Structure formats: C-alpha cells, structure tokens
Amino acid sequence: MKILLIAVGIDNKYGKGLQEVNKRRIITPMLGLPYLAACTPSDIEIKIINETHGLITEYETTDIVCISGMTMHTNS
C-alpha cells in the first residue's frame, strides 16, 4: 500500500502576499503529517511532499492521499 501525505504550501498565485509577510516571521513547522508517518506500520510506503518548497508537478499512483494545511494558506 502507498500513502501520499501533502503539506499544502503558499507557493502559488494566491499566496504571493503571504510569502512576503512570512519572510519576516518565525514559522512553526506543521508536524501532523510526520506524526502520522511515524505511527504508520513499516510495511506501508509513505511519501511526504511539502509544497512550500514548490508545487507538485508529478503525480503518482497511490492508495491514499492525505492533505494537511493551515487556514492562512487557503484561498478563501
């Protein structure tokens, strides 16, 4: 079984203003996805993608996709 965990980033057309503001702040890393990965049995393949380092450009076939993010990173 393959699981893909995605941490939603602000590196997109809607988060441009937030990027400038966040350069001057201390940003606490989101630990929810690493905690899930640590609790998952070792026979399950897990990949974590952090979109703050760039948007996803390639898609893989996985059984489960989990998406996590913060409210300030959404386009409302």
Protein backbone atom coordinates (compact mmCIF):
# COMPACT_ATOMS: atom_id res chain seq x y z
CA MET A 1 0.00 0.00 0.00
CA LYS A 2 1.22 3.51 -0.84
CA ILE A 3 0.24 6.66 1.05
CA LEU A 4 0.99 10.21 -0.13
CA LEU A 5 0.99 12.96 2.52
CA ILE A 6 0.86 16.54 1.19
CA ALA A 7 1.59 19.62 3.28
CA VAL A 8 -0.12 22.48 1.44
CA GLY A 9 2.17 25.42 0.84
CA ILE A 10 1.85 29.07 -0.01
CA ASP A 11 3.94 28.86 -3.18
CA ASN A 12 1.04 29.59 -5.50
CA LYS A 13 -0.65 32.55 -7.17
CA TYR A 14 -2.95 33.11 -4.19
CA GLY A 15 -0.23 33.13 -1.54
CA LYS A 16 2.14 35.69 -3.06
CA GLY A 17 1.31 38.34 -0.47
CA LEU A 18 1.66 35.88 2.39
CA GLN A 19 5.12 34.88 1.23
CA GLU A 20 6.40 38.43 1.66
CA VAL A 21 4.84 38.76 5.12
CA ASN A 22 6.04 35.34 6.26
CA LYS A 23 9.67 36.14 5.36
CA ARG A 24 9.75 38.34 8.47
CA ARG A 25 8.05 35.85 10.82
CA ILE A 26 9.14 32.71 12.58
CA ILE A 27 7.07 29.95 11.04
CA THR A 28 6.39 26.88 13.17
CA PRO A 29 6.60 23.70 11.07
CA MET A 30 3.47 21.61 10.79
CA LEU A 31 4.13 18.25 12.45
CA GLY A 32 0.83 16.45 11.82
CA LEU A 33 1.99 14.57 8.72
CA PRO A 34 5.34 13.44 10.18
CA TYR A 35 3.47 12.19 13.26
CA LEU A 36 1.10 10.20 11.02
CA ALA A 37 4.06 8.76 9.14
CA ALA A 38 5.74 7.76 12.41
CA CYS A 39 2.60 5.92 13.57
CA THR A 40 2.14 4.03 10.30
CA PRO A 41 3.30 0.40 10.14
CA SER A 42 6.67 -0.05 8.46
CA ASP A 43 5.29 -2.28 5.67
CA ILE A 44 3.36 0.69 4.20
CA GLU A 45 5.21 3.01 1.80
CA ILE A 46 4.82 6.69 2.73
CA LYS A 47 5.91 9.80 0.85
CA ILE A 48 5.60 13.32 2.27
CA ILE A 49 5.56 16.33 -0.06
CA ASN A 50 5.93 19.83 1.36
CA GLU A 51 4.50 22.31 -1.15
CA THR A 52 6.23 25.29 0.46
CA HIS A 53 9.29 24.12 -1.49
CA GLY A 54 7.35 24.08 -4.78
CA LEU A 55 4.04 22.90 -6.11
CA ILE A 56 3.51 19.27 -7.07
CA THR A 57 4.47 18.77 -10.71
CA GLU A 58 4.34 14.97 -10.96
CA TYR A 59 1.55 12.72 -9.81
CA GLU A 60 1.98 9.17 -8.64
CA THR A 61 -0.47 6.33 -8.25
CA THR A 62 -1.21 5.92 -4.54
CA ASP A 63 -3.87 4.20 -2.49
CA ILE A 64 -4.45 7.05 -0.04
CA VAL A 65 -3.76 10.79 -0.27
CA CYS A 66 -3.79 12.95 2.86
CA ILE A 67 -3.71 16.74 2.62
CA SER A 68 -2.90 18.99 5.55
CA GLY A 69 -2.54 22.73 5.77
CA MET A 70 -3.23 25.87 7.72
CA THR A 71 -6.18 28.20 7.23
CA MET A 72 -3.89 31.10 6.28
CA HIS A 73 -2.64 29.07 3.29
CA THR A 74 -6.08 28.62 1.74
CA ASN A 75 -7.72 30.70 -0.95
CA SER A 76 -10.95 31.95 0.59
